[in-house]
Amino acid sequence: MTTSEIKVDKKICIFCGSSSGNSPAYAAAADALGKLLVEKNWGLVYGGGTTGVMGDIAKAVGTRGGYVHGIIPKALIEREQGQVIPDPSIYGHTTLVDDMHTRKRLMGRSSDAFVAMPGGYGTAEELFEVITWNQLGIHSLPVVIFNIEGFYDGLVEWINTAVGSGFISKGNRDIIVVASTPEEVIEKIENYKIADGRLNLNWDVQTPGIKEEHTAK
C-alpha cells in the first residue's frame, strides 16, 4: 500500500532539524512520537529530508506502515540525495517544489496540527510562521513545542518576557503549548484550545498560507 492509499484521522506537520544534534534523546523522542502517531492513525507531514531528526521521525512512522508525506525543494534534495527521491517504503510520498515558500505553504495546507522538535534556523522560521498565521486568524490549528531535555526553555522564557514587556498579548500567549514527552504532545493536540487573542481578519483573497476554513474543530 502506498502512502496516498493510507487513510488517516489527522495529519501532523512536524518541524525539526536535518541534523541529529548532540543528544541521543532527540532520536529516541522522534522514534517514540512516530510510534504514537501510527498507533493513533495519524499521518506525518514533514520537510522531506532523510537525515537528522527529520529522517528519524520519518523513519519512525514509515517503517511502521504509517502515512508519511515529505515536501522538499529541489535544491535541497539535490544537495542531500543527489537528485534521488527518498525510498518510499521508508519515507513515504515525496513532493518536490521549487522554493521554500511553496514548501511551507503546502506543509501548512496539508496538516491538522503543528509540532516543533529540536532544530536550527529553519525549524525556528517554520515554527514562528505558523504561530504568526494563527495570531492573524489564517488558521486556528494546534501549535505544539516538543521541549525535549529543555531544548526550548530559552524560547519559552523569551515568549514570557515578550508577554510581560507588552509585545505579545496575554491572549496570544496560548497560541503555543509546550510538551515534554511524546505522550504529552498527543494530549496537547487533542485538547488544544483556540487562543482568545487571535485577530479576526478576512483572508478570503490572496491568503499567503493556510486556507481560512482549515481550522481546529
Protein backbone atom coordinates (compact mmCIF):
# COMPACT_ATOMS: atom_id res chain seq x y z
CA MET A 1 0.00 0.00 0.00
CA THR A 2 1.35 3.42 -0.96
CA THR A 3 1.18 6.46 1.28
CA SER A 4 -1.51 8.02 -0.91
CA GLU A 5 -3.72 4.99 -0.22
CA ILE A 6 -3.37 5.17 3.56
CA LYS A 7 -6.34 6.84 5.25
CA VAL A 8 -5.56 8.70 8.47
CA ASP A 9 -7.62 10.62 11.02
CA LYS A 10 -5.21 13.57 11.25
CA LYS A 11 -2.04 14.75 9.56
CA ILE A 12 0.56 16.23 11.87
CA CYS A 13 3.20 18.58 10.48
CA ILE A 14 6.49 18.22 12.33
CA PHE A 15 9.23 20.82 12.03
CA CYS A 16 12.69 19.60 13.03
CA GLY A 17 16.35 19.66 12.15
CA SER A 18 18.17 17.88 9.36
CA SER A 19 21.00 17.44 11.88
CA SER A 20 20.92 14.88 14.69
CA GLY A 21 22.06 17.17 17.49
CA ASN A 22 24.36 16.14 20.31
CA SER A 23 21.95 14.11 22.40
CA PRO A 24 20.57 10.63 21.64
CA ALA A 25 17.37 11.80 23.32
CA TYR A 26 16.30 13.58 20.13
CA ALA A 27 16.32 10.42 18.01
CA ALA A 28 14.69 8.43 20.80
CA ALA A 29 11.92 11.01 21.13
CA ALA A 30 11.36 11.02 17.37
CA ASP A 31 11.01 7.24 17.37
CA ALA A 32 8.60 7.28 20.30
CA LEU A 33 6.47 10.05 18.81
CA GLY A 34 6.40 8.34 15.42
CA LYS A 35 5.20 5.15 17.06
CA LEU A 36 2.37 7.03 18.78
CA LEU A 37 1.33 8.71 15.53
CA VAL A 38 0.94 5.33 13.86
CA GLU A 39 -0.98 3.94 16.85
CA LYS A 40 -3.35 6.94 16.71
CA ASN A 41 -3.74 6.54 12.93
CA TRP A 42 -2.30 10.00 12.45
CA GLY A 43 -0.08 10.76 9.49
CA LEU A 44 3.15 12.73 9.24
CA VAL A 45 3.80 15.77 7.07
CA TYR A 46 7.40 16.94 7.21
CA GLY A 47 10.22 18.64 5.31
CA GLY A 48 11.18 15.65 3.18
CA GLY A 49 14.73 15.09 4.42
CA THR A 50 16.33 11.77 5.31
CA THR A 51 18.99 12.93 7.76
CA GLY A 52 18.99 14.09 11.38
CA VAL A 53 15.84 14.38 13.46
CA MET A 54 13.87 14.89 10.24
CA GLY A 55 14.94 11.50 8.95
CA ASP A 56 14.38 9.90 12.36
CA ILE A 57 10.73 10.97 12.61
CA ALA A 58 10.01 9.94 9.01
CA LYS A 59 11.55 6.50 9.51
CA ALA A 60 9.71 6.07 12.81
CA VAL A 61 6.39 6.46 11.01
CA GLY A 62 7.22 4.99 7.61
CA THR A 63 8.85 1.77 8.79
CA ARG A 64 5.77 1.07 10.91
CA GLY A 65 3.49 1.34 7.90
CA GLY A 66 2.24 4.84 8.66
CA TYR A 67 1.39 7.76 6.40
CA VAL A 68 4.38 9.96 5.52
CA HIS A 69 4.38 12.93 3.16
CA GLY A 70 7.64 14.80 2.69
CA ILE A 71 7.74 18.18 0.94
CA ILE A 72 11.17 19.39 -0.12
CA PRO A 73 12.63 21.98 -2.53
CA LYS A 74 14.53 20.57 -5.50
CA ALA A 75 17.71 22.39 -4.44
CA LEU A 76 17.75 20.64 -1.08
CA ILE A 77 17.11 17.17 -2.45
CA GLU A 78 19.92 17.68 -4.95
CA ARG A 79 22.26 18.59 -2.08
CA GLU A 80 21.14 15.82 0.27
CA GLN A 81 20.19 12.96 -2.02
CA GLY A 82 21.97 13.71 -5.29
CA GLN A 83 18.63 14.09 -7.11
CA VAL A 84 17.41 10.71 -5.84
CA ILE A 85 13.88 10.59 -4.41
CA PRO A 86 13.90 9.07 -0.89
CA ASP A 87 12.87 5.40 -0.65
CA PRO A 88 9.04 5.46 -0.49
CA SER A 89 8.95 2.25 1.59
CA ILE A 90 10.67 4.22 4.37
CA TYR A 91 9.95 7.90 3.69
CA GLY A 92 6.54 7.68 2.06
CA HIS A 93 5.49 10.08 -0.68
CA THR A 94 7.82 12.94 -1.57
CA THR A 95 6.65 16.14 -3.26
CA LEU A 96 9.31 18.27 -4.95
CA VAL A 97 8.74 22.04 -5.00
CA ASP A 98 10.64 24.98 -6.46
CA ASP A 99 11.21 27.07 -3.33
CA MET A 100 10.97 27.30 0.45
CA HIS A 101 7.80 29.40 0.40
CA THR A 102 5.93 26.77 -1.59
CA ARG A 103 7.22 24.07 0.76
CA LYS A 104 5.86 25.85 3.84
CA ARG A 105 2.57 26.68 2.17
CA LEU A 106 1.95 23.05 1.15
CA MET A 107 3.00 21.74 4.55
CA GLY A 108 0.54 24.11 6.18
CA ARG A 109 -2.35 23.29 3.89
CA SER A 110 -1.76 19.56 4.27
CA SER A 111 -1.83 19.49 8.07
CA ASP A 112 -4.19 19.47 11.06
CA ALA A 113 -1.62 20.43 13.72
CA PHE A 114 1.99 21.58 14.00
CA VAL A 115 4.76 20.27 16.25
CA ALA A 116 8.25 21.72 16.60
CA MET A 117 11.02 19.33 17.62
CA PRO A 118 14.65 20.41 18.09
CA GLY A 119 16.23 22.07 15.09
CA GLY A 120 18.05 25.18 13.91
CA TYR A 121 17.24 28.34 11.97
CA GLY A 122 14.91 26.61 9.50
CA THR A 123 12.88 24.96 12.25
CA ALA A 124 12.55 28.26 14.10
CA GLU A 125 11.40 30.05 10.94
CA GLU A 126 8.76 27.41 10.22
CA LEU A 127 7.54 27.46 13.81
CA PHE A 128 7.21 31.23 14.02
CA GLU A 129 5.42 31.44 10.69
CA VAL A 130 2.63 29.08 11.80
CA ILE A 131 2.43 30.91 15.15
CA THR A 132 2.00 34.19 13.27
CA TRP A 133 -0.58 32.65 10.91
CA ASN A 134 -2.54 31.58 13.98
CA GLN A 135 -2.27 35.03 15.56
CA LEU A 136 -3.51 36.67 12.34
CA GLY A 137 -6.51 34.34 12.06
CA ILE A 138 -5.28 32.47 8.99
CA HIS A 139 -5.71 29.21 10.90
CA SER A 140 -6.57 28.05 14.41
CA LEU A 141 -4.72 24.75 14.45
CA PRO A 142 -2.66 23.45 17.40
CA VAL A 143 0.96 24.60 17.64
CA VAL A 144 2.98 22.40 20.00
CA ILE A 145 6.59 22.83 21.09
CA PHE A 146 8.12 19.44 21.92
CA ASN A 147 10.61 20.56 24.55
CA ILE A 148 12.99 17.59 24.70
CA GLU A 149 15.52 17.86 27.53
CA GLY A 150 14.72 21.56 27.91
CA PHE A 151 15.80 22.38 24.35
CA TYR A 152 13.18 25.12 24.05
CA ASP A 153 13.45 26.53 27.58
CA GLY A 154 15.10 29.69 26.27
CA LEU A 155 12.37 30.22 23.66
CA VAL A 156 9.62 29.76 26.25
CA GLU A 157 11.39 32.25 28.51
CA TRP A 158 11.63 34.75 25.64
CA ILE A 159 7.90 34.40 24.91
CA ASN A 160 7.07 35.03 28.57
CA THR A 161 9.37 38.06 28.54
CA ALA A 162 7.70 39.38 25.37
CA VAL A 163 4.29 38.98 27.03
CA GLY A 164 5.48 40.73 30.17
CA SER A 165 7.04 43.53 28.11
CA GLY A 166 3.85 44.13 26.15
CA PHE A 167 4.97 42.84 22.74
CA ILE A 168 2.80 39.69 22.79
CA SER A 169 -0.68 39.97 24.26
CA LYS A 170 -1.64 37.66 27.09
CA GLY A 171 -4.43 36.37 24.87
CA ASN A 172 -1.89 35.23 22.29
CA ARG A 173 0.42 33.52 24.78
CA ASP A 174 -1.63 30.34 24.50
CA ILE A 175 -1.30 30.06 20.73
CA ILE A 176 1.59 27.72 21.54
CA VAL A 177 1.52 24.89 24.05
CA VAL A 178 4.55 23.05 25.41
CA ALA A 179 5.02 19.30 25.81
CA SER A 180 7.97 17.43 27.30
CA THR A 181 7.08 13.84 26.33
CA PRO A 182 5.66 12.18 23.20
CA GLU A 183 2.51 11.29 25.10
CA GLU A 184 2.06 14.91 26.13
CA VAL A 185 2.42 16.02 22.51
CA ILE A 186 -0.58 13.86 21.61
CA GLU A 187 -2.55 15.12 24.60
CA LYS A 188 -1.81 18.77 23.79
CA ILE A 189 -3.02 18.30 20.21
CA GLU A 190 -6.20 16.55 21.28
CA ASN A 191 -7.07 19.15 23.93
CA TYR A 192 -5.87 22.30 22.19
CA LYS A 193 -7.97 25.39 22.85
CA ILE A 194 -8.03 28.31 20.45
CA ALA A 195 -6.33 31.37 21.97
CA ASP A 196 -8.53 34.31 22.92
CA GLY A 197 -6.28 37.00 21.46
CA ARG A 198 -6.27 35.95 17.80
CA LEU A 199 -7.22 38.58 15.23
CA ASN A 200 -10.42 38.19 13.24
CA LEU A 201 -9.20 39.21 9.79
CA ASN A 202 -10.57 38.46 6.34
CA TRP A 203 -8.11 36.28 4.40
CA ASP A 204 -10.52 35.23 1.64
CA VAL A 205 -8.35 36.89 -1.03
CA GLN A 206 -4.64 36.14 -1.54
CA THR A 207 -4.21 34.14 1.64
CA PRO A 208 -0.43 33.60 1.90
CA GLY A 209 -0.56 30.36 3.84
CA ILE A 210 -3.27 28.08 5.11
CA LYS A 211 -6.82 28.30 3.88
CA GLU A 212 -9.12 30.19 6.26
CA GLU A 213 -11.54 27.25 6.51
CA HIS A 214 -8.74 24.95 7.71
CA THR A 215 -9.30 25.46 11.42
CA ALA A 216 -9.34 23.39 14.57
CA LYS A 217 -12.57 21.60 15.31
